[in-house]
Amino acid sequence: MKRKKYSPEFKREAIELVRRSGASCRQVALEIGVAPNLLTRWVREAQPNTEKAFSGTGSPRDEELTRLKRELARVTKERDFLRDAAAYFAKESSSGTR
């Protein structure tokens, strides 16, 4: 069975419905056709700021991991370049005339 994906707008509207109606997350979830534990999680995740909730597809941890991988690739390239340059200049200085 394929997992259903819900848009950020749908999630925000469902959270707002819970807050305005005074009904439990379970009641609202059953009315709109969402699993109660899923709606409860959305409400919990949206606590700090509803506007910024669900803005991206990845978590901050995923974004940090991607940034670190990018930085590691850059540093590895720099290291390899410097190693090759050092080897080249070492060879040049040892094969030069004295």
PDB file of N, CA and C in Angstrom:
ATOM      1  N   MET A   1       0.842  -1.192   0.000  1.00  0.00           N
ATOM      2  CA  MET A   1       0.000   0.000   0.000  1.00  0.00           C
ATOM      3  C   MET A   1       0.881   1.248   0.000  1.00  0.00           C
ATOM      4  N   LYS A   2       0.556   2.186  -0.854  1.00  0.00           N
ATOM      5  CA  LYS A   2       1.341   3.411  -0.976  1.00  0.00           C
ATOM      6  C   LYS A   2       0.958   4.397   0.125  1.00  0.00           C
ATOM      7  N   ARG A   3       1.981   5.024   0.722  1.00  0.00           N
ATOM      8  CA  ARG A   3       1.733   6.028   1.752  1.00  0.00           C
ATOM      9  C   ARG A   3       1.120   7.270   1.147  1.00  0.00           C
ATOM     10  N   LYS A   4       0.153   7.816   1.851  1.00  0.00           N
ATOM     11  CA  LYS A   4      -0.468   9.060   1.401  1.00  0.00           C
ATOM     12  C   LYS A   4       0.419  10.227   1.782  1.00  0.00           C
ATOM     13  N   LYS A   5       0.518  11.189   0.887  1.00  0.00           N
ATOM     14  CA  LYS A   5       1.264  12.416   1.190  1.00  0.00           C
ATOM     15  C   LYS A   5       0.270  13.552   1.328  1.00  0.00           C
ATOM     16  N   TYR A   6       0.472  14.365   2.335  1.00  0.00           N
ATOM     17  CA  TYR A   6      -0.411  15.504   2.573  1.00  0.00           C
ATOM     18  C   TYR A   6       0.372  16.788   2.372  1.00  0.00           C
ATOM     19  N   SER A   7      -0.260  17.761   1.742  1.00  0.00           N
ATOM     20  CA  SER A   7       0.407  19.036   1.489  1.00  0.00           C
ATOM     21  C   SER A   7       0.546  19.814   2.795  1.00  0.00           C
ATOM     22  N   PRO A   8       1.519  20.727   2.835  1.00  0.00           N
ATOM     23  CA  PRO A   8       1.670  21.574   4.020  1.00  0.00           C
ATOM     24  C   PRO A   8       0.395  22.370   4.324  1.00  0.00           C
ATOM     25  N   GLU A   9      -0.315  22.798   3.278  1.00  0.00           N
ATOM     26  CA  GLU A   9      -1.553  23.562   3.472  1.00  0.00           C
ATOM     27  C   GLU A   9      -2.610  22.698   4.156  1.00  0.00           C
ATOM     28  N   PHE A  10      -2.730  21.451   3.714  1.00  0.00           N
ATOM     29  CA  PHE A  10      -3.692  20.537   4.329  1.00  0.00           C
ATOM     30  C   PHE A  10      -3.363  20.338   5.804  1.00  0.00           C
ATOM     31  N   LYS A  11      -2.075  20.147   6.094  1.00  0.00           N
ATOM     32  CA  LYS A  11      -1.644  19.933   7.477  1.00  0.00           C
ATOM     33  C   LYS A  11      -1.968  21.151   8.338  1.00  0.00           C
ATOM     34  N   ARG A  12      -1.669  22.353   7.820  1.00  0.00           N
ATOM     35  CA  ARG A  12      -1.942  23.579   8.584  1.00  0.00           C
ATOM     36  C   ARG A  12      -3.440  23.747   8.828  1.00  0.00           C
ATOM     37  N   GLU A  13      -4.253  23.453   7.808  1.00  0.00           N
ATOM     38  CA  GLU A  13      -5.705  23.577   7.973  1.00  0.00           C
ATOM     39  C   GLU A  13      -6.226  22.570   8.996  1.00  0.00           C
ATOM     40  N   ALA A  14      -5.702  21.354   8.980  1.00  0.00           N
ATOM     41  CA  ALA A  14      -6.121  20.343   9.951  1.00  0.00           C
ATOM     42  C   ALA A  14      -5.746  20.764  11.366  1.00  0.00           C
ATOM     43  N   ILE A  15      -4.556  21.315  11.529  1.00  0.00           N
ATOM     44  CA  ILE A  15      -4.104  21.782  12.849  1.00  0.00           C
ATOM     45  C   ILE A  15      -4.993  22.920  13.324  1.00  0.00           C
ATOM     46  N   GLU A  16      -5.300  23.846  12.418  1.00  0.00           N
ATOM     47  CA  GLU A  16      -6.163  24.980  12.770  1.00  0.00           C
ATOM     48  C   GLU A  16      -7.551  24.495  13.156  1.00  0.00           C
ATOM     49  N   LEU A  17      -8.048  23.491  12.492  1.00  0.00           N
ATOM     50  CA  LEU A  17      -9.355  22.918  12.806  1.00  0.00           C
ATOM     51  C   LEU A  17      -9.359  22.348  14.224  1.00  0.00           C
ATOM     52  N   VAL A  18      -8.285  21.675  14.593  1.00  0.00           N
ATOM     53  CA  VAL A  18      -8.178  21.129  15.957  1.00  0.00           C
ATOM     54  C   VAL A  18      -8.194  22.275  16.960  1.00  0.00           C
ATOM     55  N   ARG A  19      -7.438  23.316  16.692  1.00  0.00           N
ATOM     56  CA  ARG A  19      -7.324  24.440  17.635  1.00  0.00           C
ATOM     57  C   ARG A  19      -8.630  25.220  17.763  1.00  0.00           C
ATOM     58  N   ARG A  20      -9.304  25.461  16.639  1.00  0.00           N
ATOM     59  CA  ARG A  20     -10.541  26.250  16.668  1.00  0.00           C
ATOM     60  C   ARG A  20     -11.727  25.473  17.209  1.00  0.00           C
ATOM     61  N   SER A  21     -11.827  24.208  16.848  1.00  0.00           N
ATOM     62  CA  SER A  21     -13.033  23.445  17.182  1.00  0.00           C
ATOM     63  C   SER A  21     -13.113  23.049  18.654  1.00  0.00           C
ATOM     64  N   GLY A  22     -11.962  22.931  19.283  1.00  0.00           N
ATOM     65  CA  GLY A  22     -11.973  22.470  20.668  1.00  0.00           C
ATOM     66  C   GLY A  22     -12.172  20.964  20.768  1.00  0.00           C
ATOM     67  N   ALA A  23     -12.296  20.304  19.616  1.00  0.00           N
ATOM     68  CA  ALA A  23     -12.451  18.848  19.591  1.00  0.00           C
ATOM     69  C   ALA A  23     -11.073  18.203  19.734  1.00  0.00           C
ATOM     70  N   SER A  24     -11.077  16.941  20.078  1.00  0.00           N
ATOM     71  CA  SER A  24      -9.801  16.234  20.229  1.00  0.00           C
ATOM     72  C   SER A  24      -9.199  15.964  18.854  1.00  0.00           C
ATOM     73  N   CYS A  25      -7.902  15.716  18.858  1.00  0.00           N
ATOM     74  CA  CYS A  25      -7.224  15.376  17.606  1.00  0.00           C
ATOM     75  C   CYS A  25      -7.856  14.131  17.003  1.00  0.00           C
ATOM     76  N   ARG A  26      -8.222  13.193  17.837  1.00  0.00           N
ATOM     77  CA  ARG A  26      -8.810  11.946  17.356  1.00  0.00           C
ATOM     78  C   ARG A  26     -10.120  12.212  16.607  1.00  0.00           C
ATOM     79  N   GLN A  27     -10.981  13.057  17.210  1.00  0.00           N
ATOM     80  CA  GLN A  27     -12.269  13.364  16.574  1.00  0.00           C
ATOM     81  C   GLN A  27     -12.067  14.040  15.221  1.00  0.00           C
ATOM     82  N   VAL A  28     -11.208  15.045  15.190  1.00  0.00           N
ATOM     83  CA  VAL A  28     -10.963  15.780  13.949  1.00  0.00           C
ATOM     84  C   VAL A  28     -10.337  14.858  12.907  1.00  0.00           C
ATOM     85  N   ALA A  29      -9.377  14.047  13.329  1.00  0.00           N
ATOM     86  CA  ALA A  29      -8.705  13.136  12.402  1.00  0.00           C
ATOM     87  C   ALA A  29      -9.694  12.182  11.747  1.00  0.00           C
ATOM     88  N   LEU A  30     -10.602  11.630  12.532  1.00  0.00           N
ATOM     89  CA  LEU A  30     -11.586  10.709  11.981  1.00  0.00           C
ATOM     90  C   LEU A  30     -12.535  11.420  11.014  1.00  0.00           C
ATOM     91  N   GLU A  31     -12.857  12.680  11.302  1.00  0.00           N
ATOM     92  CA  GLU A  31     -13.742  13.450  10.422  1.00  0.00           C
ATOM     93  C   GLU A  31     -13.091  13.747   9.074  1.00  0.00           C
ATOM     94  N   ILE A  32     -11.786  14.039   9.083  1.00  0.00           N
ATOM     95  CA  ILE A  32     -11.127  14.415   7.822  1.00  0.00           C
ATOM     96  C   ILE A  32     -10.418  13.236   7.156  1.00  0.00           C
ATOM     97  N   GLY A  33     -10.482  12.070   7.765  1.00  0.00           N
ATOM     98  CA  GLY A  33      -9.914  10.877   7.152  1.00  0.00           C
ATOM     99  C   GLY A  33      -8.416  10.708   7.297  1.00  0.00           C
ATOM    100  N   VAL A  34      -7.885  11.139   8.435  1.00  0.00           N
ATOM    101  CA  VAL A  34      -6.452  11.024   8.715  1.00  0.00           C
ATOM    102  C   VAL A  34      -6.285  10.161   9.958  1.00  0.00           C
ATOM    103  N   ALA A  35      -5.195   9.440  10.037  1.00  0.00           N
ATOM    104  CA  ALA A  35      -4.924   8.636  11.227  1.00  0.00           C
ATOM    105  C   ALA A  35      -4.770   9.564  12.437  1.00  0.00           C
ATOM    106  N   PRO A  36      -5.431   9.256  13.555  1.00  0.00           N
ATOM    107  CA  PRO A  36      -5.354  10.126  14.737  1.00  0.00           C
ATOM    108  C   PRO A  36      -3.931  10.393  15.221  1.00  0.00           C
ATOM    109  N   ASN A  37      -3.084   9.360  15.230  1.00  0.00           N
ATOM    110  CA  ASN A  37      -1.712   9.587  15.704  1.00  0.00           C
ATOM    111  C   ASN A  37      -0.932  10.509  14.766  1.00  0.00           C
ATOM    112  N   LEU A  38      -1.271  10.508  13.476  1.00  0.00           N
ATOM    113  CA  LEU A  38      -0.617  11.389  12.517  1.00  0.00           C
ATOM    114  C   LEU A  38      -0.994  12.854  12.775  1.00  0.00           C
ATOM    115  N   LEU A  39      -2.279  13.099  12.966  1.00  0.00           N
ATOM    116  CA  LEU A  39      -2.718  14.473  13.247  1.00  0.00           C
ATOM    117  C   LEU A  39      -2.142  14.966  14.568  1.00  0.00           C
ATOM    118  N   THR A  40      -2.077  14.097  15.557  1.00  0.00           N
ATOM    119  CA  THR A  40      -1.487  14.470  16.853  1.00  0.00           C
ATOM    120  C   THR A  40      -0.034  14.885  16.656  1.00  0.00           C
ATOM    121  N   ARG A  41       0.695  14.144  15.823  1.00  0.00           N
ATOM    122  CA  ARG A  41       2.098  14.483  15.558  1.00  0.00           C
ATOM    123  C   ARG A  41       2.212  15.819  14.845  1.00  0.00           C
ATOM    124  N   TRP A  42       1.331  16.078  13.871  1.00  0.00           N
ATOM    125  CA  TRP A  42       1.368  17.361  13.172  1.00  0.00           C
ATOM    126  C   TRP A  42       1.165  18.517  14.140  1.00  0.00           C
ATOM    127  N   VAL A  43       0.194  18.362  15.037  1.00  0.00           N
ATOM    128  CA  VAL A  43      -0.089  19.418  16.014  1.00  0.00           C
ATOM    129  C   VAL A  43       1.132  19.646  16.900  1.00  0.00           C
ATOM    130  N   ARG A  44       1.759  18.563  17.348  1.00  0.00           N
ATOM    131  CA  ARG A  44       2.940  18.668  18.216  1.00  0.00           C
ATOM    132  C   ARG A  44       4.085  19.348  17.471  1.00  0.00           C
ATOM    133  N   GLU A  45       4.320  18.954  16.218  1.00  0.00           N
ATOM    134  CA  GLU A  45       5.421  19.535  15.435  1.00  0.00           C
ATOM    135  C   GLU A  45       5.187  21.000  15.107  1.00  0.00           C
ATOM    136  N   ALA A  46       3.948  21.412  15.051  1.00  0.00           N
ATOM    137  CA  ALA A  46       3.624  22.789  14.665  1.00  0.00           C
ATOM    138  C   ALA A  46       3.593  23.743  15.854  1.00  0.00           C
ATOM    139  N   GLN A  47       3.852  23.275  17.030  1.00  0.00           N
ATOM    140  CA  GLN A  47       3.756  24.126  18.217  1.00  0.00           C
ATOM    141  C   GLN A  47       4.563  25.415  18.127  1.00  0.00           C
ATOM    142  N   PRO A  48       5.867  25.378  17.803  1.00  0.00           N
ATOM    143  CA  PRO A  48       6.632  26.626  17.823  1.00  0.00           C
ATOM    144  C   PRO A  48       6.108  27.698  16.877  1.00  0.00           C
ATOM    145  N   ASN A  49       5.861  27.347  15.620  1.00  0.00           N
ATOM    146  CA  ASN A  49       5.435  28.347  14.649  1.00  0.00           C
ATOM    147  C   ASN A  49       4.720  27.658  13.495  1.00  0.00           C
ATOM    148  N   THR A  50       3.427  27.858  13.392  1.00  0.00           N
ATOM    149  CA  THR A  50       2.624  27.174  12.372  1.00  0.00           C
ATOM    150  C   THR A  50       3.035  27.568  10.958  1.00  0.00           C
ATOM    151  N   GLU A  51       3.435  28.816  10.734  1.00  0.00           N
ATOM    152  CA  GLU A  51       3.779  29.256   9.386  1.00  0.00           C
ATOM    153  C   GLU A  51       5.012  28.542   8.844  1.00  0.00           C
ATOM    154  N   LYS A  52       6.001  28.272   9.703  1.00  0.00           N
ATOM    155  CA  LYS A  52       7.226  27.638   9.239  1.00  0.00           C
ATOM    156  C   LYS A  52       7.153  26.124   9.301  1.00  0.00           C
ATOM    157  N   ALA A  53       6.136  25.579   9.918  1.00  0.00           N
ATOM    158  CA  ALA A  53       6.011  24.127  10.011  1.00  0.00           C
ATOM    159  C   ALA A  53       5.795  23.536   8.628  1.00  0.00           C
ATOM    160  N   PHE A  54       6.407  22.426   8.379  1.00  0.00           N
ATOM    161  CA  PHE A  54       6.254  21.670   7.129  1.00  0.00           C
ATOM    162  C   PHE A  54       6.739  22.453   5.910  1.00  0.00           C
ATOM    163  N   SER A  55       7.702  23.329   6.086  1.00  0.00           N
ATOM    164  CA  SER A  55       8.142  24.133   4.951  1.00  0.00           C
ATOM    165  C   SER A  55       8.977  23.344   3.957  1.00  0.00           C
ATOM    166  N   GLY A  56       9.670  22.321   4.407  1.00  0.00           N
ATOM    167  CA  GLY A  56      10.512  21.557   3.492  1.00  0.00           C
ATOM    168  C   GLY A  56      10.202  20.078   3.565  1.00  0.00           C
ATOM    169  N   THR A  57      10.923  19.328   2.765  1.00  0.00           N
ATOM    170  CA  THR A  57      10.684  17.891   2.756  1.00  0.00           C
ATOM    171  C   THR A  57      11.625  17.161   3.694  1.00  0.00           C
ATOM    172  N   GLY A  58      12.750  17.786   4.041  1.00  0.00           N
ATOM    173  CA  GLY A  58      13.716  17.135   4.915  1.00  0.00           C
ATOM    174  C   GLY A  58      13.748  17.764   6.286  1.00  0.00           C
ATOM    175  N   SER A  59      14.328  17.060   7.214  1.00  0.00           N
ATOM    176  CA  SER A  59      14.473  17.590   8.564  1.00  0.00           C
ATOM    177  C   SER A  59      15.748  18.419   8.622  1.00  0.00           C
ATOM    178  N   PRO A  60      15.883  19.260   9.657  1.00  0.00           N
ATOM    179  CA  PRO A  60      17.127  20.024   9.797  1.00  0.00           C
ATOM    180  C   PRO A  60      18.345  19.102   9.862  1.00  0.00           C
ATOM    181  N   ARG A  61      18.158  17.925  10.445  1.00  0.00           N
ATOM    182  CA  ARG A  61      19.260  16.963  10.532  1.00  0.00           C
ATOM    183  C   ARG A  61      19.679  16.523   9.131  1.00  0.00           C
ATOM    184  N   ASP A  62      18.719  16.278   8.245  1.00  0.00           N
ATOM    185  CA  ASP A  62      19.028  15.886   6.871  1.00  0.00           C
ATOM    186  C   ASP A  62      19.737  17.011   6.127  1.00  0.00           C
ATOM    187  N   GLU A  63      19.282  18.235   6.354  1.00  0.00           N
ATOM    188  CA  GLU A  63      19.911  19.389   5.706  1.00  0.00           C
ATOM    189  C   GLU A  63      21.348  19.553   6.182  1.00  0.00           C
ATOM    190  N   GLU A  64      21.562  19.367   7.484  1.00  0.00           N
ATOM    191  CA  GLU A  64      22.907  19.466   8.048  1.00  0.00           C
ATOM    192  C   GLU A  64      23.793  18.369   7.476  1.00  0.00           C
ATOM    193  N   LEU A  65      23.273  17.160   7.360  1.00  0.00           N
ATOM    194  CA  LEU A  65      24.034  16.050   6.804  1.00  0.00           C
ATOM    195  C   LEU A  65      24.428  16.348   5.357  1.00  0.00           C
ATOM    196  N   THR A  66      23.513  16.870   4.576  1.00  0.00           N
ATOM    197  CA  THR A  66      23.801  17.218   3.184  1.00  0.00           C
ATOM    198  C   THR A  66      24.875  18.291   3.113  1.00  0.00           C
ATOM    199  N   ARG A  67      24.766  19.306   3.981  1.00  0.00           N
ATOM    200  CA  ARG A  67      25.763  20.384   4.003  1.00  0.00           C
ATOM    201  C   ARG A  67      27.138  19.834   4.359  1.00  0.00           C
ATOM    202  N   LEU A  68      27.192  18.954   5.355  1.00  0.00           N
ATOM    203  CA  LEU A  68      28.468  18.384   5.776  1.00  0.00           C
ATOM    204  C   LEU A  68      29.076  17.494   4.694  1.00  0.00           C
ATOM    205  N   LYS A  69      28.248  16.744   3.995  1.00  0.00           N
ATOM    206  CA  LYS A  69      28.760  15.913   2.898  1.00  0.00           C
ATOM    207  C   LYS A  69      29.349  16.775   1.794  1.00  0.00           C
ATOM    208  N   ARG A  70      28.660  17.890   1.480  1.00  0.00           N
ATOM    209  CA  ARG A  70      29.155  18.819   0.465  1.00  0.00           C
ATOM    210  C   ARG A  70      30.501  19.406   0.891  1.00  0.00           C
ATOM    211  N   GLU A  71      30.589  19.806   2.164  1.00  0.00           N
ATOM    212  CA  GLU A  71      31.829  20.385   2.674  1.00  0.00           C
ATOM    213  C   GLU A  71      32.959  19.353   2.671  1.00  0.00           C
ATOM    214  N   LEU A  72      32.641  18.110   3.050  1.00  0.00           N
ATOM    215  CA  LEU A  72      33.648  17.048   3.036  1.00  0.00           C
ATOM    216  C   LEU A  72      34.177  16.821   1.623  1.00  0.00           C
ATOM    217  N   ALA A  73      33.296  16.816   0.643  1.00  0.00           N
ATOM    218  CA  ALA A  73      33.720  16.625  -0.741  1.00  0.00           C
ATOM    219  C   ALA A  73      34.651  17.759  -1.179  1.00  0.00           C
ATOM    220  N   ARG A  74      34.310  18.988  -0.787  1.00  0.00           N
ATOM    221  CA  ARG A  74      35.148  20.143  -1.148  1.00  0.00           C
ATOM    222  C   ARG A  74      36.517  20.037  -0.499  1.00  0.00           C
ATOM    223  N   VAL A  75      36.565  19.723   0.784  1.00  0.00           N
ATOM    224  CA  VAL A  75      37.829  19.628   1.516  1.00  0.00           C
ATOM    225  C   VAL A  75      38.676  18.472   0.979  1.00  0.00           C
ATOM    226  N   THR A  76      38.033  17.366   0.630  1.00  0.00           N
ATOM    227  CA  THR A  76      38.753  16.221   0.062  1.00  0.00           C
ATOM    228  C   THR A  76      39.397  16.599  -1.268  1.00  0.00           C
ATOM    229  N   LYS A  77      38.658  17.356  -2.101  1.00  0.00           N
ATOM    230  CA  LYS A  77      39.211  17.823  -3.373  1.00  0.00           C
ATOM    231  C   LYS A  77      40.425  18.721  -3.140  1.00  0.00           C
ATOM    232  N   GLU A  78      40.301  19.638  -2.185  1.00  0.00           N
ATOM    233  CA  GLU A  78      41.409  20.543  -1.878  1.00  0.00           C
ATOM    234  C   GLU A  78      42.626  19.762  -1.399  1.00  0.00           C
ATOM    235  N   ARG A  79      42.403  18.802  -0.524  1.00  0.00           N
ATOM    236  CA  ARG A  79      43.498  17.991   0.014  1.00  0.00           C
ATOM    237  C   ARG A  79      44.202  17.242  -1.108  1.00  0.00           C
ATOM    238  N   ASP A  80      43.420  16.608  -1.986  1.00  0.00           N
ATOM    239  CA  ASP A  80      44.008  15.847  -3.087  1.00  0.00           C
ATOM    240  C   ASP A  80      44.806  16.754  -4.014  1.00  0.00           C
ATOM    241  N   PHE A  81      44.270  17.939  -4.279  1.00  0.00           N
ATOM    242  CA  PHE A  81      44.972  18.885  -5.135  1.00  0.00           C
ATOM    243  C   PHE A  81      46.301  19.297  -4.502  1.00  0.00           C
ATOM    244  N   LEU A  82      46.260  19.631  -3.208  1.00  0.00           N
ATOM    245  CA  LEU A  82      47.487  20.057  -2.524  1.00  0.00           C
ATOM    246  C   LEU A  82      48.511  18.919  -2.446  1.00  0.00           C
ATOM    247  N   ARG A  83      48.038  17.701  -2.247  1.00  0.00           N
ATOM    248  CA  ARG A  83      48.942  16.544  -2.197  1.00  0.00           C
ATOM    249  C   ARG A  83      49.626  16.372  -3.561  1.00  0.00           C
ATOM    250  N   ASP A  84      48.839  16.457  -4.629  1.00  0.00           N
ATOM    251  CA  ASP A  84      49.403  16.305  -5.968  1.00  0.00           C
ATOM    252  C   ASP A  84      50.373  17.445  -6.296  1.00  0.00           C
ATOM    253  N   ALA A  85      50.011  18.658  -5.897  1.00  0.00           N
ATOM    254  CA  ALA A  85      50.882  19.808  -6.143  1.00  0.00           C
ATOM    255  C   ALA A  85      52.187  19.661  -5.369  1.00  0.00           C
ATOM    256  N   ALA A  86      52.114  19.219  -4.117  1.00  0.00           N
ATOM    257  CA  ALA A  86      53.319  19.033  -3.303  1.00  0.00           C
ATOM    258  C   ALA A  86      54.216  17.965  -3.919  1.00  0.00           C
ATOM    259  N   ALA A  87      53.618  16.888  -4.409  1.00  0.00           N
ATOM    260  CA  ALA A  87      54.400  15.819  -5.049  1.00  0.00           C
ATOM    261  C   ALA A  87      55.055  16.340  -6.322  1.00  0.00           C
ATOM    262  N   TYR A  88      54.324  17.120  -7.103  1.00  0.00           N
ATOM    263  CA  TYR A  88      54.865  17.681  -8.344  1.00  0.00           C
ATOM    264  C   TYR A  88      56.058  18.583  -8.058  1.00  0.00           C
ATOM    265  N   PHE A  89      55.911  19.511  -7.101  1.00  0.00           N
ATOM    266  CA  PHE A  89      56.993  20.439  -6.798  1.00  0.00           C
ATOM    267  C   PHE A  89      58.166  19.743  -6.132  1.00  0.00           C
ATOM    268  N   ALA A  90      57.915  18.706  -5.359  1.00  0.00           N
ATOM    269  CA  ALA A  90      58.999  17.944  -4.751  1.00  0.00           C
ATOM    270  C   ALA A  90      59.805  17.248  -5.847  1.00  0.00           C
ATOM    271  N   LYS A  91      59.126  16.711  -6.848  1.00  0.00           N
ATOM    272  CA  LYS A  91      59.788  16.038  -7.961  1.00  0.00           C
ATOM    273  C   LYS A  91      60.595  17.045  -8.778  1.00  0.00           C
ATOM    274  N   GLU A  92      60.014  18.215  -9.016  1.00  0.00           N
ATOM    275  CA  GLU A  92      60.698  19.268  -9.782  1.00  0.00           C
ATOM    276  C   GLU A  92      61.972  19.728  -9.080  1.00  0.00           C
ATOM    277  N   SER A  93      61.888  19.916  -7.753  1.00  0.00           N
ATOM    278  CA  SER A  93      63.058  20.439  -7.037  1.00  0.00           C
ATOM    279  C   SER A  93      64.162  19.380  -6.912  1.00  0.00           C
ATOM    280  N   SER A  94      63.787  18.100  -6.881  1.00  0.00           N
ATOM    281  CA  SER A  94      64.807  17.056  -6.759  1.00  0.00           C
ATOM    282  C   SER A  94      65.449  16.723  -8.107  1.00  0.00           C
ATOM    283  N   SER A  95      64.752  16.979  -9.207  1.00  0.00           N
ATOM    284  CA  SER A  95      65.303  16.664 -10.522  1.00  0.00           C
ATOM    285  C   SER A  95      65.988  17.879 -11.153  1.00  0.00           C
ATOM    286  N   GLY A  96      65.978  19.000 -10.489  1.00  0.00           N
ATOM    287  CA  GLY A  96      66.603  20.214 -11.026  1.00  0.00           C
ATOM    288  C   GLY A  96      68.130  20.131 -10.967  1.00  0.00           C
ATOM    289  N   THR A  97      68.823  21.021 -11.690  1.00  0.00           N
ATOM    290  CA  THR A  97      70.300  21.035 -11.703  1.00  0.00           C
ATOM    291  C   THR A  97      70.821  21.758 -10.490  1.00  0.00           C
ATOM    292  N   ARG A  98      71.994  21.287 -10.019  1.00  0.00           N
ATOM    293  CA  ARG A  98      72.605  21.917  -8.836  1.00  0.00           C
ATOM    294  C   ARG A  98      73.904  22.514  -9.182  1.00  0.00           C
TER     295      ARG A  98
END
